Protein backbone atom coordinates (compact mmCIF):
# COMPACT_ATOMS: atom_id res chain seq x y z
CA MET A 1 47.21 65.52 121.77
CA VAL A 2 47.63 62.75 119.19
CA CYS A 3 45.79 64.88 116.65
CA SER A 4 48.01 67.89 117.48
CA ALA A 5 51.16 65.80 117.10
CA ALA A 6 49.97 64.49 113.75
CA MET A 7 49.20 68.01 112.53
CA SER A 8 52.62 69.18 113.69
CA LYS A 9 54.32 66.31 111.86
CA ALA A 10 52.33 67.10 108.72
CA ALA A 11 53.34 70.75 108.94
CA ARG A 12 57.01 69.78 109.26
CA LEU A 13 56.75 67.48 106.25
CA LYS A 14 55.07 70.24 104.26
CA ARG A 15 57.81 72.73 105.15
CA ARG A 16 60.51 70.19 104.27
CA LYS A 17 58.90 69.50 100.89
CA SER A 18 58.58 73.24 100.24
CA GLU A 19 62.26 73.72 101.05
CA GLN A 20 63.21 70.89 98.69
CA VAL A 21 61.16 72.45 95.91
CA ARG A 22 62.77 75.85 96.53
CA ARG A 23 66.25 74.39 96.42
CA ALA A 24 65.47 72.44 93.28
CA ALA A 25 64.21 75.59 91.58
CA ALA A 26 67.25 77.63 92.62
CA PRO A 27 70.41 77.48 90.53
CA GLU A 28 73.31 75.53 91.91
CA PRO A 29 75.48 77.71 94.17
CA LEU A 30 78.71 78.72 92.50
CA VAL A 31 81.60 76.56 93.74
CA PHE A 32 85.15 76.82 92.45
CA THR A 33 87.32 73.88 91.61
CA TRP A 34 90.77 74.03 93.15
CA ARG A 35 92.10 74.91 89.71
CA HIS A 36 89.88 78.01 89.63
CA THR A 37 91.03 78.93 93.12
CA ALA A 38 94.69 78.52 92.16
CA VAL A 39 94.23 80.73 89.09
CA ALA A 40 92.50 83.43 91.16
CA LEU A 41 95.21 83.34 93.81
CA GLY A 42 97.94 83.43 91.17
CA LEU A 43 96.37 86.54 89.66
CA ALA A 44 96.00 88.12 93.11
CA LEU A 45 99.68 87.51 93.91
CA ALA A 46 100.70 88.96 90.53
CA LEU A 47 98.63 92.12 91.15
CA PHE A 48 100.10 92.40 94.65
CA GLY A 49 103.58 92.16 93.10
CA VAL A 50 102.77 95.03 90.72
CA GLY A 51 101.59 97.12 93.67
CA CYS A 52 104.78 96.35 95.57
CA SER A 53 106.84 97.59 92.64
CA LEU A 54 104.94 100.90 92.73
CA VAL A 55 105.69 101.63 96.39
CA TRP A 56 108.97 99.79 97.03
CA ALA A 57 111.20 102.88 96.74
CA GLN A 58 108.96 104.94 99.05
CA VAL A 59 108.96 102.68 102.09
CA PRO A 60 109.56 102.19 104.99
CA ILE A 61 107.71 105.14 106.55
CA ASP A 62 109.33 107.30 109.21
CA ASP A 63 107.70 105.77 112.30
CA SER A 64 109.04 102.34 111.37
CA PHE A 65 112.58 103.53 112.09
CA ILE A 66 111.59 103.91 115.75
CA SER A 67 111.03 100.15 115.85
CA PHE A 68 114.28 99.62 113.91
CA ARG A 69 116.23 101.61 116.51
CA TYR A 70 114.70 99.65 119.39
CA ALA A 71 115.48 96.39 117.58
CA ARG A 72 119.07 97.43 116.87
CA ASN A 73 119.68 98.49 120.46
CA LEU A 74 118.24 95.22 121.73
CA ALA A 75 120.30 93.13 119.31
CA THR A 76 123.51 94.95 120.27
CA GLY A 77 122.97 94.42 124.00
CA GLN A 78 121.83 97.92 124.99
CA GLY A 79 118.34 96.81 125.95
CA LEU A 80 114.87 97.42 124.60
CA VAL A 81 115.38 101.20 124.60
CA PHE A 82 115.40 104.13 122.19
CA ASN A 83 118.18 106.06 123.93
CA PRO A 84 120.65 103.84 125.82
CA GLY A 85 120.07 104.27 129.54
CA GLU A 86 116.48 105.57 129.16
CA ARG A 87 113.77 102.92 129.54
CA VAL A 88 110.74 104.18 127.63
CA GLU A 89 108.35 101.99 125.60
CA GLY A 90 108.11 104.10 122.46
CA PHE A 91 107.31 101.27 120.03
CA SER A 92 103.83 99.93 119.24
CA SER A 93 104.55 96.21 118.69
CA LEU A 94 106.64 93.99 120.94
CA SER A 95 106.46 90.96 118.62
CA TRP A 96 107.55 93.01 115.60
CA VAL A 97 110.53 94.55 117.42
CA LEU A 98 111.64 91.12 118.66
CA LEU A 99 111.37 89.72 115.13
CA LEU A 100 113.45 92.59 113.74
CA ALA A 101 116.02 92.23 116.53
CA ALA A 102 116.46 88.56 115.63
CA GLY A 103 117.05 89.59 112.00
CA HIS A 104 119.63 92.19 113.03
CA ARG A 105 121.48 89.56 115.05
CA LEU A 106 121.75 87.58 111.81
CA GLY A 107 123.34 90.58 110.12
CA LEU A 108 120.32 91.61 108.04
CA ASP A 109 119.61 95.20 107.03
CA LEU A 110 116.57 96.27 109.06
CA PRO A 111 114.72 98.44 106.50
CA LEU A 112 115.18 95.78 103.83
CA LEU A 113 114.20 93.01 106.25
CA ALA A 114 111.01 94.86 107.24
CA LYS A 115 109.99 95.31 103.61
CA GLY A 116 110.75 91.68 102.81
CA LEU A 117 108.67 90.49 105.76
CA GLY A 118 105.88 92.80 104.62
CA VAL A 119 105.85 91.19 101.18
CA LEU A 120 105.73 87.70 102.70
CA LEU A 121 103.00 88.60 105.19
CA GLY A 122 100.96 90.44 102.56
CA ALA A 123 101.15 87.43 100.23
CA GLY A 124 100.35 85.17 103.19
CA THR A 125 97.22 87.18 103.93
CA LEU A 126 96.09 86.80 100.31
CA LEU A 127 96.64 83.04 100.46
CA LEU A 128 94.98 82.69 103.85
CA LEU A 129 91.97 84.67 102.67
CA GLY A 130 91.59 83.08 99.24
CA ALA A 131 92.48 79.40 99.75
CA SER A 132 88.92 78.06 99.50
CA ARG A 133 86.51 76.63 96.95
CA ASP A 134 83.92 79.15 98.13
CA PRO A 135 84.27 81.75 95.33
CA ALA A 136 83.74 84.63 97.76
CA ARG A 137 87.14 83.95 99.32
CA PRO A 138 89.33 84.04 96.15
CA LEU A 139 87.27 87.01 94.95
CA ALA A 140 88.05 88.80 98.23
CA ALA A 141 91.75 88.05 97.71
CA LEU A 142 91.60 89.61 94.25
CA LEU A 143 89.92 92.74 95.63
CA LEU A 144 92.55 92.96 98.35
CA ALA A 145 95.39 92.66 95.83
CA LEU A 146 93.90 95.59 93.90
CA SER A 147 94.02 97.82 96.99
CA LEU A 148 97.05 100.13 97.00
CA PRO A 149 96.50 101.08 100.67
CA PHE A 150 96.92 97.41 101.61
CA THR A 151 100.07 97.02 99.52
CA TYR A 152 101.62 100.27 100.73
CA HIS A 153 101.07 99.53 104.39
CA ALA A 154 102.09 95.91 104.00
CA LEU A 155 105.53 97.30 103.13
CA ASN A 156 105.52 100.31 105.49
CA GLY A 157 108.13 98.77 107.82
CA LEU A 158 105.75 98.61 110.76
CA GLU A 159 103.72 95.69 112.12
CA THR A 160 100.69 96.48 109.92
CA ALA A 161 101.19 93.45 107.65
CA LEU A 162 101.69 91.13 110.63
CA PHE A 163 98.56 92.44 112.36
CA ALA A 164 96.49 92.11 109.16
CA PHE A 165 97.68 88.52 108.71
CA LEU A 166 96.88 87.59 112.32
CA LEU A 167 93.49 89.32 112.26
CA THR A 168 92.57 87.43 109.09
CA ALA A 169 93.75 84.19 110.70
CA LEU A 170 91.64 84.87 113.80
CA ILE A 171 88.53 85.11 111.65
CA VAL A 172 88.96 82.49 108.92
CA VAL A 173 91.53 79.87 109.86
CA SER A 174 89.78 77.62 112.37
CA GLY A 175 86.19 77.42 111.16
CA GLU A 176 83.51 76.00 113.38
CA SER A 177 85.33 72.75 114.04
CA SER A 178 87.35 72.20 117.16
CA GLY A 179 90.36 73.00 115.00
CA PRO A 180 93.98 73.00 116.06
CA ARG A 181 93.76 74.47 119.55
CA ARG A 182 97.36 75.49 119.72
CA VAL A 183 97.11 77.40 116.45
CA ARG A 184 94.16 79.40 117.76
CA TRP A 185 95.98 80.10 121.01
CA VAL A 186 99.12 81.23 119.18
CA VAL A 187 97.10 83.56 116.94
CA ALA A 188 95.32 85.08 119.96
CA ILE A 189 98.58 85.54 121.87
CA LEU A 190 100.41 87.08 118.91
CA LEU A 191 97.55 89.52 118.32
CA VAL A 192 97.98 90.80 121.87
CA LEU A 193 101.75 91.13 121.47
CA THR A 194 101.52 92.75 118.03
CA ARG A 195 99.20 95.71 118.62
CA PRO A 196 97.77 97.44 121.71
CA GLU A 197 94.26 96.75 120.38
CA GLY A 198 94.99 93.05 119.76
CA PHE A 199 93.31 91.91 122.98
CA LEU A 200 90.23 93.95 122.07
CA ALA A 201 90.13 92.21 118.66
CA VAL A 202 90.05 88.75 120.27
CA LEU A 203 87.38 89.79 122.79
CA LEU A 204 85.22 91.53 120.20
CA TRP A 205 85.31 88.68 117.68
CA ASN A 206 84.18 86.13 120.22
CA LEU A 207 81.49 88.49 121.50
CA CYS A 208 80.24 88.93 117.92
CA LEU A 209 80.07 85.14 117.52
CA TRP A 210 77.93 84.93 120.63
CA ILE A 211 75.64 87.76 119.49
CA ALA A 212 75.25 86.07 116.09
CA GLY A 213 73.94 82.94 117.78
CA ARG A 214 77.06 80.78 117.95
CA ALA A 215 76.73 80.08 121.67
CA ARG A 216 77.79 76.47 121.05
CA LEU A 217 81.27 77.84 120.40
CA LEU A 218 81.47 79.13 123.97
CA ARG A 219 84.19 76.70 124.99
CA ARG A 220 86.31 77.55 121.97
CA SER A 221 85.81 81.25 122.65
CA ALA A 222 86.79 80.84 126.28
CA GLU A 223 90.04 79.17 125.21
CA GLU A 224 90.93 81.96 122.79
CA VAL A 225 90.04 84.75 125.20
CA GLY A 226 91.84 82.97 128.02
CA ALA A 227 95.04 82.66 125.99
CA ALA A 228 94.81 86.32 124.99
CA ALA A 229 94.14 87.39 128.58
CA LEU A 230 97.18 85.51 129.87
CA ALA A 231 99.36 87.14 127.20
CA PHE A 232 97.92 90.56 128.05
CA LEU A 233 98.58 90.13 131.78
CA ALA A 234 102.09 88.79 131.16
CA GLN A 235 102.95 91.76 128.94
CA LEU A 236 101.46 94.17 131.48
CA LEU A 237 103.56 92.66 134.26
CA TRP A 238 106.69 92.79 132.12
CA ARG A 239 105.97 96.43 131.19
CA CYS A 240 105.57 97.42 134.82
CA LEU A 241 108.81 95.69 135.79
CA TYR A 242 110.92 96.86 132.85
CA TYR A 243 109.50 100.29 132.01
CA HIS A 244 107.84 101.09 135.37
CA ASP A 245 104.61 102.00 133.59
CA TRP A 246 101.34 100.14 132.97
CA LEU A 247 100.69 101.70 129.53
CA ALA A 248 102.99 101.86 126.51
CA ASN A 249 104.40 105.38 126.23
CA SER A 250 103.69 105.43 122.47
CA ALA A 251 99.99 104.77 123.15
CA ARG A 252 99.88 107.37 125.93
CA ALA A 253 101.40 110.02 123.63
CA LYS A 254 98.81 109.40 120.90
CA MET A 255 95.70 109.02 123.07
CA LEU A 256 93.23 111.91 122.76
CA PRO A 257 89.97 112.69 124.59
CA LEU A 258 87.20 110.62 123.00
CA ASP A 259 84.91 113.59 122.32
CA PHE A 260 87.79 115.25 120.45
CA ALA A 261 89.11 112.26 118.49
CA LEU A 262 86.04 110.17 117.63
CA PRO A 263 84.14 112.52 115.24
CA PRO A 264 87.09 113.09 112.86
CA GLY A 265 88.06 109.43 113.30
CA LEU A 266 84.62 108.28 112.14
CA LEU A 267 84.78 110.69 109.20
CA ASP A 268 88.18 109.21 108.28
CA LEU A 269 86.74 105.69 108.53
CA ALA A 270 83.87 106.68 106.22
CA ARG A 271 86.33 108.13 103.67
CA PHE A 272 88.37 104.94 103.86
CA LEU A 273 85.39 102.66 103.23
CA TRP A 274 84.09 104.81 100.41
CA THR A 275 87.49 104.99 98.72
CA VAL A 276 88.14 101.24 98.78
CA SER A 277 84.58 100.23 97.91
CA GLY A 278 84.29 101.26 94.28
CA TRP A 279 82.02 104.30 94.65
CA GLY A 280 80.06 102.48 97.35
CA LEU A 281 79.43 99.29 95.36
CA LEU A 282 81.30 97.01 97.76
CA LEU A 283 79.59 98.63 100.75
CA ALA A 284 76.26 97.71 99.18
CA CYS A 285 77.50 94.18 98.47
CA ALA A 286 78.68 93.79 102.06
CA ALA A 287 75.26 94.93 103.27
CA LEU A 288 73.58 92.40 100.96
CA ALA A 289 75.74 89.65 102.39
CA VAL A 290 74.38 90.12 105.91
CA THR A 291 70.81 91.39 105.58
CA GLY A 292 69.34 87.99 104.90
CA ALA A 293 69.02 88.45 101.15
CA ALA A 294 72.10 86.29 100.69
CA ARG A 295 70.27 83.42 102.36
CA GLY A 296 68.76 82.68 98.98
CA PRO A 297 70.73 80.45 96.64
CA ARG A 298 73.87 80.80 98.79
CA GLY A 299 72.45 78.10 101.01
CA VAL A 300 71.36 77.45 104.58
CA PRO A 301 72.43 79.55 107.59
CA GLY A 302 75.33 77.85 109.32
CA GLU A 303 76.99 76.56 106.15
CA THR A 304 79.20 79.63 105.70
CA TRP A 305 82.27 80.35 107.80
CA PRO A 306 82.92 82.90 109.07
CA PRO A 307 79.30 83.74 110.02
CA LEU A 308 78.49 86.83 108.00
CA ARG A 309 76.52 88.64 110.68
CA ALA A 310 79.28 88.09 113.23
CA LEU A 311 81.84 89.29 110.70
CA ALA A 312 79.84 92.42 109.90
CA LEU A 313 79.42 93.22 113.59
CA PHE A 314 83.15 92.79 114.10
CA VAL A 315 84.14 95.02 111.16
CA ILE A 316 81.78 97.77 112.36
CA GLY A 317 82.73 97.48 116.03
CA PHE A 318 86.47 97.21 115.51
CA GLY A 319 86.38 99.98 112.90
CA VAL A 320 84.72 102.33 115.39
CA ALA A 321 87.26 101.32 118.05
CA LEU A 322 90.12 102.16 115.68
CA ALA A 323 88.42 105.43 114.74
CA SER A 324 88.43 106.48 118.40
CA SER A 325 92.14 107.28 118.00
CA GLY A 326 91.21 110.02 115.53
CA GLY A 327 92.87 108.34 112.56
CA ASP A 328 96.47 108.60 111.43
CA SER A 329 98.80 111.29 110.11
CA PHE A 330 100.26 108.97 107.44
CA PRO A 331 98.59 108.63 104.03
CA LEU A 332 96.24 105.79 103.04
CA TRP A 333 94.70 104.88 106.40
CA ARG A 334 97.36 102.77 108.14
CA PHE A 335 95.17 101.98 111.18
CA PHE A 336 92.19 100.76 109.11
CA VAL A 337 94.10 98.66 106.57
CA PRO A 338 94.04 95.43 108.69
CA LEU A 339 90.23 95.46 108.31
CA LEU A 340 90.45 95.31 104.51
CA PRO A 341 90.61 91.49 104.15
CA LEU A 342 87.50 91.12 106.28
CA PHE A 343 85.61 93.91 104.54
CA PHE A 344 86.42 92.41 101.13
CA LEU A 345 85.30 88.99 102.39
CA LEU A 346 81.88 90.47 103.15
CA ALA A 347 81.84 92.23 99.80
CA GLY A 348 82.87 89.01 98.03
CA GLU A 349 79.92 87.18 99.55
CA GLY A 350 77.62 89.91 98.31
CA LEU A 351 79.12 89.86 94.81
CA VAL A 352 78.63 86.10 94.55
CA TRP A 353 75.04 86.48 95.71
CA LEU A 354 74.47 89.10 93.01
CA GLY A 355 75.96 86.68 90.50
CA ASP A 356 73.60 83.93 91.66
CA ARG A 357 70.61 86.25 91.27
CA ALA A 358 71.77 87.22 87.78
CA SER A 359 72.10 83.52 86.95
CA ARG A 360 68.55 82.87 88.11
CA ALA A 361 67.25 85.73 85.98
CA SER A 362 69.27 85.37 82.80
CA GLY A 363 72.14 82.94 83.17
CA LEU A 364 74.66 85.79 83.23
CA ARG A 365 76.29 85.09 86.58
CA PRO A 366 79.92 85.42 85.40
CA VAL A 367 79.07 88.60 83.50
CA ALA A 368 77.42 90.19 86.55
CA ILE A 369 80.40 89.45 88.75
CA ALA A 370 82.83 90.66 86.09
CA VAL A 371 80.93 93.95 85.70
CA ALA A 372 80.94 94.53 89.45
CA VAL A 373 84.65 93.76 89.76
CA GLY A 374 85.30 96.00 86.75
CA ILE A 375 83.62 98.91 88.51
CA VAL A 376 85.78 98.32 91.58
CA LEU A 377 88.90 98.05 89.42
CA ALA A 378 88.05 101.30 87.62
CA ASN A 379 87.60 103.04 90.95
CA ALA A 380 90.92 101.68 92.24
CA ALA A 381 92.70 102.74 89.04
CA SER A 382 91.26 106.25 89.23
CA LYS A 383 92.65 106.66 92.76
CA ILE A 384 96.16 105.33 92.02
CA PRO A 385 97.73 108.60 90.71
CA GLU A 386 96.54 110.56 93.76
CA GLN A 387 97.61 107.80 96.15
CA VAL A 388 101.02 107.42 94.52
CA ARG A 389 101.60 111.18 94.86
CA ALA A 390 100.76 111.02 98.57
CA ILE A 391 103.07 108.03 99.01
CA ALA A 392 105.88 109.75 97.11
CA GLY A 393 105.53 112.90 99.21
CA GLU A 394 105.92 110.92 102.42
CA GLY A 395 108.82 108.96 100.94
CA GLN A 396 110.71 112.14 100.02
CA TRP A 397 110.64 113.28 103.64
CA VAL A 398 111.99 109.94 104.85
CA HIS A 399 114.83 109.99 102.29
CA LEU A 400 115.69 113.55 103.36
CA TRP A 401 115.75 112.68 107.05
CA ALA A 402 117.91 109.64 106.35
CA GLU A 403 120.39 111.85 104.48
CA ILE A 404 120.43 114.42 107.29
CA GLY A 405 120.97 111.64 109.82
CA GLU A 406 123.94 110.20 107.90
CA SER A 407 125.45 113.70 107.53
CA LEU A 408 125.08 114.37 111.25
CA ARG A 409 126.67 111.05 112.10
CA ALA A 410 129.76 112.07 110.14
CA ALA A 411 129.83 115.69 111.36
CA VAL A 412 129.18 115.73 115.12
CA PRO A 413 130.52 113.80 118.15
CA PRO A 414 128.63 110.57 118.97
CA GLY A 415 127.12 111.84 122.23
CA THR A 416 125.57 114.95 120.68
CA ARG A 417 121.93 115.29 121.78
CA ILE A 418 119.37 116.43 119.21
CA ALA A 419 115.76 117.53 119.76
CA LEU A 420 113.28 117.11 116.93
CA CYS A 421 109.80 115.94 115.94
CA PRO A 422 110.49 113.37 113.16
CA VAL A 423 112.12 110.76 115.42
CA GLY A 424 112.32 107.94 112.89
CA ALA A 425 114.87 107.87 110.08
CA LEU A 426 116.99 110.81 111.25
CA PRO A 427 117.79 109.44 114.74
CA TYR A 428 118.16 105.92 113.31
CA TYR A 429 120.82 106.90 110.77
CA SER A 430 122.54 109.47 113.00
CA GLY A 431 122.64 107.22 116.07
CA LEU A 432 122.48 110.35 118.25
CA PRO A 433 120.73 110.58 121.65
CA THR A 434 117.35 112.13 120.90
CA VAL A 435 114.78 114.32 122.65
CA ASP A 436 111.41 113.47 121.10
CA MET A 437 109.51 116.76 121.00
CA LEU A 438 106.17 114.95 120.41
CA GLY A 439 106.56 112.47 123.25
CA LEU A 440 106.46 109.05 121.56
CA THR A 441 109.74 108.15 123.24
CA ASP A 442 109.62 110.72 126.04
CA PRO A 443 107.55 109.95 129.18
CA HIS A 444 107.22 113.58 130.28
CA ILE A 445 105.81 114.98 127.03
CA ALA A 446 103.53 111.94 126.65
CA ARG A 447 101.76 113.07 129.85
CA VAL A 448 101.33 116.71 128.83
CA PRO A 449 97.64 117.62 128.22
CA ALA A 450 96.74 117.53 124.53
CA ASP A 451 96.42 120.81 122.66
CA ARG A 452 92.87 120.84 121.28
CA THR A 453 93.19 124.01 119.19
CA TYR A 454 93.98 121.99 116.04
CA PHE A 455 93.68 118.40 114.85
CA TYR A 456 96.71 116.39 113.72
CA PRO A 457 96.84 112.87 115.23
CA GLY A 458 100.07 112.11 117.06
CA HIS A 459 101.09 115.79 117.20
CA HIS A 460 99.07 117.23 120.09
CA ARG A 461 101.53 116.99 122.99
CA TYR A 462 104.57 119.22 123.33
CA ASP A 463 106.48 121.16 125.99
CA GLY A 464 109.09 123.62 124.73
CA ALA A 465 110.29 124.64 128.19
CA TYR A 466 111.01 121.00 129.05
CA VAL A 467 112.88 120.44 125.76
CA LEU A 468 115.08 123.48 126.35
CA ALA A 469 115.67 122.45 129.98
CA ARG A 470 117.29 119.25 128.69
CA ARG A 471 119.89 121.39 126.93
CA PRO A 472 120.16 119.54 123.60
CA GLU A 473 123.14 120.60 121.52
CA LEU A 474 121.03 120.61 118.35
CA ILE A 475 117.37 121.46 117.67
CA LEU A 476 115.67 120.71 114.34
CA LEU A 477 112.61 122.81 113.52
CA ALA A 478 110.23 122.70 110.53
CA ASN A 479 111.41 119.14 109.75
CA GLY A 480 114.80 120.44 108.58
CA PRO A 481 114.64 122.93 105.68
CA VAL A 482 117.26 122.25 103.01
CA VAL A 483 118.71 125.20 101.08
CA SER A 484 121.29 125.53 98.33
CA ALA A 485 123.23 128.28 100.13
CA PRO A 486 123.20 129.80 103.66
CA GLN A 487 120.19 132.07 104.14
CA PRO A 488 117.78 133.17 106.92
CA PHE A 489 115.57 130.53 108.49
CA PRO A 490 112.01 130.43 107.02
CA GLY A 491 110.15 130.91 110.30
CA TYR A 492 106.76 130.50 108.63
CA LEU A 493 107.55 126.79 108.22
CA THR A 494 107.72 126.25 111.98
CA ARG A 495 105.00 123.81 113.03
CA ARG A 496 102.28 124.67 115.54
CA TYR A 497 103.73 122.23 118.06
CA GLU A 498 107.24 123.77 117.74
CA ARG A 499 106.35 127.43 118.23
CA ASP A 500 106.77 127.43 122.00
CA VAL A 501 110.40 126.46 121.41
CA ALA A 502 110.99 128.96 118.59
CA LEU A 503 109.41 131.86 120.53
CA SER A 504 111.17 131.12 123.80
CA ALA A 505 113.61 133.77 125.04
CA ASP A 506 115.94 130.98 126.19
CA PHE A 507 116.00 129.51 122.69
CA GLN A 508 116.65 132.86 121.02
CA ARG A 509 119.47 133.60 123.49
CA ASP A 510 121.18 130.20 123.60
CA TYR A 511 120.76 128.84 120.06
CA SER A 512 121.83 130.11 116.67
CA LEU A 513 121.12 128.98 113.13
CA VAL A 514 123.81 126.90 111.43
CA HIS A 515 123.98 125.36 107.98
CA LEU A 516 125.19 121.77 108.00
CA PRO A 517 126.44 120.57 104.61
CA LEU A 518 124.77 117.45 103.27
CA ARG A 519 126.76 114.74 101.53
CA THR A 520 124.68 115.03 98.37
CA GLY A 521 124.86 118.83 98.21
CA GLY A 522 123.05 121.74 99.82
CA PHE A 523 122.68 122.57 103.50
CA VAL A 524 120.20 121.64 106.20
CA GLN A 525 119.20 124.47 108.51
CA ILE A 526 119.51 123.45 112.14
CA PHE A 527 119.89 125.31 115.42
CA ALA A 528 122.96 124.69 117.59
CA ARG A 529 123.60 125.68 121.17
CA SER A 530 126.01 128.61 121.30
CA ASP A 531 128.71 126.72 123.20
CA PHE A 532 128.50 123.89 120.65
CA THR A 533 128.75 125.75 117.34
CA ALA A 534 132.54 125.74 117.38
CA ARG A 535 132.47 121.93 117.19
CA LEU A 536 130.50 121.92 113.95
CA PRO A 537 132.11 121.79 110.48
CA GLY A 538 132.55 125.20 108.85
């Protein structure tokens, strides 16, 4: 036994000496000074500012005006409702609506407030991600600032920027130390209150830590999950008491059968990762960061936070969970954007590892990193014209609906009920009671079985007979065609989910086409109930 112990001790000494020799032979790991970090973050913020200038005029997006209307109604004492007197949870983020309502109480313009908060939260995410002497972190912040999808959806008027900031904080802010408990609890709670999948994010991250071998963090994980669970149960109880439902109506309206939604959702996730990864380069770098190759000159396992394997598991798992919704109908991958800081953190680790390998081979570490970042930048630049066109197309619709809403507000009595599909900017600016033909703010349509004959996320539930039974004075089809002079309605523009209204005998008998003049010229084509047409302007 003594001999065995001596041999074991000798083996340990031999391994220790071998490790010392290996470390001595390896180049020093790249570490930034705080000046380098500050320069990188300054550049990232400047690039983010340029991106904001490109998209500022095209945001907020239409769905954000649903949250604005809820916030305005709450701030003016009408309750957390879309239509006064109808309790339906048609928003996707309680914390965001409450924040907007507080701003409205202070007299702030809601669309401008939402964009301003998006800028602050986007910049905060860059700072949170990049404030480190580990070069992978500032490098990840630079990559994030180059991403137009991140910038666009930071300013989209919805809670996307808040959720991205909180998700980044969940992963990077506390480290392995005991950390500020209350900060971790607040982050976990706000994640639950900010997105329906926030509780899943907290659960999944702590599960990934455990799988990656961080069982010693079990107590910390229990605290975070416990705080999130309490927030989840409290919100569920409040929802049941206030809305008399256990699930948000907006989530119910968008949920699709998994076998129907997951395949196109995964394809959309793959397109997203390929587009933001510089022709696959950053995907390869992220893979390098977690396969064990990066355990070379980057140091000893356990020295890096967040743990790369846990982070990779989380990005994959949460990405698949988000893909189960089928994706999004808005351009530039709104649902996947909150994963970008974490994906770029993995890619940054891989880029630094590549730089260390290049340094070992030829002393060209900075050159290797610069070439890799240049490839990513070239890819991002090549996508900008296409992405800007998609953003501009969406923005034109929102500006049109805002103009129609303002014209309706001036032209029809305040209690006029309108049925339509784009329930964002038009109802917000018109202030009219609204029948949501796609069910986001209507509990009946949200429970209608999804139409599986086509694929268009968020547009699979409709019920024309129900809409007509509610007897709206106005019905907008085909998103509101605008013409220069009165002319027949272009029926071919009617959407698939509107045809049961347009083809109904009741609709054809009771409604007629009218041309409502817009304040900036031209006419919007809209259908008015026969007994209401006399109340419209000539």
